[in-house]
Amino acid sequence: MHTRSPGEAAWYESTKKQRQEYCTAYRAHDPQRPIHVPSFASAMSEDEFADDFYKAVKEKCTPA
C-alpha cells in the first residue's frame, strides 16, 4: 500500500478549487504569484513540507 507523504496528504485534503489554483500557479511559474502552501500538521519542518508539497503539486498537475 502506498503511504502518502504529508505533501500528498495536504493535496488530497484540499478542495477542487484549491487544487485548480495550485495547478494554475504551478504552470504559470510566476514568482509574483507562487503556489500557496497550506498549513498542515506534520513532523516535517516548514521548508521540508513546502518541498514535499511542491513535489506533490508537480506530480498532480503534470499531465500523464
N, C-alpha and C. Protein backbone atom coordinates (compact mmCIF):
# COMPACT_ATOMS: atom_id res chain seq x y z
N MET A 1 0.84 -1.20 0.00
CA MET A 1 0.00 0.00 0.00
C MET A 1 0.88 1.25 0.00
N HIS A 2 0.51 2.21 -0.84
CA HIS A 2 1.28 3.45 -0.94
C HIS A 2 0.95 4.36 0.23
N THR A 3 1.97 4.77 0.95
CA THR A 3 1.78 5.70 2.05
C THR A 3 1.95 7.11 1.51
N ARG A 4 0.97 7.94 1.75
CA ARG A 4 1.04 9.31 1.27
C ARG A 4 2.04 10.11 2.10
N SER A 5 2.79 10.94 1.42
CA SER A 5 3.66 11.88 2.12
C SER A 5 2.78 13.00 2.67
N PRO A 6 3.29 13.77 3.63
CA PRO A 6 2.48 14.88 4.14
C PRO A 6 2.05 15.84 3.02
N GLY A 7 2.93 16.08 2.06
CA GLY A 7 2.58 16.97 0.96
C GLY A 7 1.43 16.43 0.14
N GLU A 8 1.48 15.12 -0.12
CA GLU A 8 0.41 14.46 -0.87
C GLU A 8 -0.90 14.49 -0.07
N ALA A 9 -0.79 14.24 1.22
CA ALA A 9 -1.98 14.25 2.07
C ALA A 9 -2.63 15.63 2.06
N ALA A 10 -1.81 16.67 2.09
CA ALA A 10 -2.35 18.03 2.06
C ALA A 10 -3.05 18.29 0.73
N TRP A 11 -2.50 17.74 -0.35
CA TRP A 11 -3.15 17.87 -1.68
C TRP A 11 -4.54 17.23 -1.63
N TYR A 12 -4.61 16.00 -1.09
CA TYR A 12 -5.89 15.29 -1.06
C TYR A 12 -6.90 15.93 -0.12
N GLU A 13 -6.43 16.69 0.86
CA GLU A 13 -7.34 17.36 1.79
C GLU A 13 -7.82 18.70 1.24
N SER A 14 -7.21 19.17 0.15
CA SER A 14 -7.60 20.46 -0.41
C SER A 14 -8.86 20.31 -1.27
N THR A 15 -9.53 21.41 -1.49
CA THR A 15 -10.75 21.38 -2.31
C THR A 15 -10.38 21.36 -3.79
N LYS A 16 -11.36 21.06 -4.62
CA LYS A 16 -11.13 21.05 -6.06
C LYS A 16 -10.66 22.43 -6.53
N LYS A 17 -11.28 23.47 -5.99
CA LYS A 17 -10.90 24.85 -6.36
C LYS A 17 -9.46 25.13 -5.96
N GLN A 18 -9.07 24.72 -4.75
CA GLN A 18 -7.68 24.92 -4.31
C GLN A 18 -6.72 24.17 -5.23
N ARG A 19 -7.07 22.96 -5.60
CA ARG A 19 -6.21 22.17 -6.49
C ARG A 19 -6.02 22.87 -7.83
N GLN A 20 -7.11 23.45 -8.35
CA GLN A 20 -7.02 24.20 -9.62
C GLN A 20 -6.09 25.40 -9.45
N GLU A 21 -6.18 26.06 -8.31
CA GLU A 21 -5.31 27.20 -8.04
C GLU A 21 -3.85 26.77 -7.95
N TYR A 22 -3.59 25.64 -7.29
CA TYR A 22 -2.22 25.14 -7.18
C TYR A 22 -1.66 24.85 -8.58
N CYS A 23 -2.47 24.19 -9.42
CA CYS A 23 -2.02 23.82 -10.76
C CYS A 23 -1.82 25.06 -11.62
N THR A 24 -2.71 26.02 -11.51
CA THR A 24 -2.56 27.26 -12.27
C THR A 24 -1.26 27.96 -11.88
N ALA A 25 -1.01 28.05 -10.58
CA ALA A 25 0.22 28.69 -10.09
C ALA A 25 1.45 27.89 -10.52
N TYR A 26 1.35 26.56 -10.44
CA TYR A 26 2.47 25.71 -10.83
C TYR A 26 2.82 25.90 -12.31
N ARG A 27 1.79 25.90 -13.16
CA ARG A 27 2.01 26.02 -14.61
C ARG A 27 2.48 27.41 -15.02
N ALA A 28 2.06 28.43 -14.25
CA ALA A 28 2.42 29.81 -14.58
C ALA A 28 3.90 30.10 -14.28
N HIS A 29 4.45 29.41 -13.29
CA HIS A 29 5.85 29.66 -12.86
C HIS A 29 6.09 31.15 -12.64
N ASP A 30 5.09 31.83 -12.07
CA ASP A 30 5.18 33.27 -11.85
C ASP A 30 5.68 33.54 -10.43
N PRO A 31 6.90 34.10 -10.30
CA PRO A 31 7.43 34.35 -8.94
C PRO A 31 6.57 35.33 -8.15
N GLN A 32 5.77 36.14 -8.85
CA GLN A 32 4.89 37.08 -8.15
C GLN A 32 3.65 36.39 -7.59
N ARG A 33 3.32 35.23 -8.14
CA ARG A 33 2.14 34.50 -7.67
C ARG A 33 2.51 33.05 -7.39
N PRO A 34 3.28 32.85 -6.34
CA PRO A 34 3.74 31.49 -6.04
C PRO A 34 2.61 30.59 -5.55
N ILE A 35 2.87 29.31 -5.54
CA ILE A 35 1.91 28.35 -5.01
C ILE A 35 1.75 28.63 -3.52
N HIS A 36 0.52 28.74 -3.07
CA HIS A 36 0.26 28.95 -1.65
C HIS A 36 0.31 27.60 -0.95
N VAL A 37 1.34 27.41 -0.14
CA VAL A 37 1.49 26.15 0.58
C VAL A 37 0.56 26.17 1.78
N PRO A 38 -0.35 25.19 1.87
CA PRO A 38 -1.28 25.18 3.01
C PRO A 38 -0.58 24.82 4.31
N SER A 39 -1.19 25.20 5.41
CA SER A 39 -0.64 24.75 6.69
C SER A 39 -1.14 23.33 6.91
N PHE A 40 -0.27 22.48 7.38
CA PHE A 40 -0.62 21.08 7.53
C PHE A 40 0.23 20.50 8.64
N ALA A 41 -0.40 19.79 9.57
CA ALA A 41 0.34 19.23 10.69
C ALA A 41 1.16 18.03 10.22
N SER A 42 2.47 18.14 10.36
CA SER A 42 3.33 17.01 10.04
C SER A 42 4.61 17.11 10.86
N ALA A 43 5.39 16.05 10.84
CA ALA A 43 6.64 16.03 11.60
C ALA A 43 7.76 16.76 10.85
N MET A 44 7.47 17.18 9.62
CA MET A 44 8.49 17.87 8.82
C MET A 44 8.63 19.33 9.25
N SER A 45 9.79 19.90 8.94
CA SER A 45 9.96 21.34 9.12
C SER A 45 9.13 22.04 8.05
N GLU A 46 8.91 23.34 8.20
CA GLU A 46 8.13 24.08 7.20
C GLU A 46 8.76 23.96 5.81
N ASP A 47 10.08 24.09 5.74
CA ASP A 47 10.77 24.01 4.45
C ASP A 47 10.65 22.62 3.83
N GLU A 48 10.82 21.60 4.66
CA GLU A 48 10.70 20.22 4.16
C GLU A 48 9.28 19.97 3.65
N PHE A 49 8.30 20.45 4.40
CA PHE A 49 6.92 20.25 3.98
C PHE A 49 6.65 21.00 2.68
N ALA A 50 7.13 22.23 2.56
CA ALA A 50 6.92 23.02 1.34
C ALA A 50 7.51 22.27 0.14
N ASP A 51 8.72 21.73 0.30
CA ASP A 51 9.35 20.96 -0.79
C ASP A 51 8.51 19.74 -1.14
N ASP A 52 8.02 19.06 -0.12
CA ASP A 52 7.22 17.86 -0.33
C ASP A 52 5.90 18.21 -1.02
N PHE A 53 5.30 19.32 -0.60
CA PHE A 53 4.04 19.75 -1.21
C PHE A 53 4.25 20.13 -2.67
N TYR A 54 5.33 20.84 -2.95
CA TYR A 54 5.64 21.20 -4.35
C TYR A 54 5.79 19.95 -5.20
N LYS A 55 6.45 18.94 -4.65
CA LYS A 55 6.61 17.67 -5.39
C LYS A 55 5.25 17.06 -5.71
N ALA A 56 4.35 17.08 -4.72
CA ALA A 56 3.00 16.53 -4.92
C ALA A 56 2.26 17.32 -5.98
N VAL A 57 2.35 18.66 -5.92
CA VAL A 57 1.67 19.52 -6.90
C VAL A 57 2.23 19.24 -8.29
N LYS A 58 3.56 19.15 -8.39
CA LYS A 58 4.18 18.89 -9.69
C LYS A 58 3.65 17.58 -10.28
N GLU A 59 3.58 16.57 -9.43
CA GLU A 59 3.11 15.24 -9.88
C GLU A 59 1.64 15.30 -10.31
N LYS A 60 0.81 15.99 -9.53
CA LYS A 60 -0.62 16.00 -9.80
C LYS A 60 -1.00 16.93 -10.95
N CYS A 61 -0.20 17.98 -11.16
CA CYS A 61 -0.56 18.98 -12.16
C CYS A 61 0.13 18.74 -13.51
N THR A 62 1.01 17.76 -13.57
CA THR A 62 1.69 17.46 -14.82
C THR A 62 0.90 16.37 -15.53
N PRO A 63 0.45 16.64 -16.77
CA PRO A 63 -0.32 15.61 -17.49
C PRO A 63 0.49 14.33 -17.67
N ALA A 64 -0.20 13.21 -17.54
CA ALA A 64 0.49 11.90 -17.64
C ALA A 64 0.99 11.67 -19.06
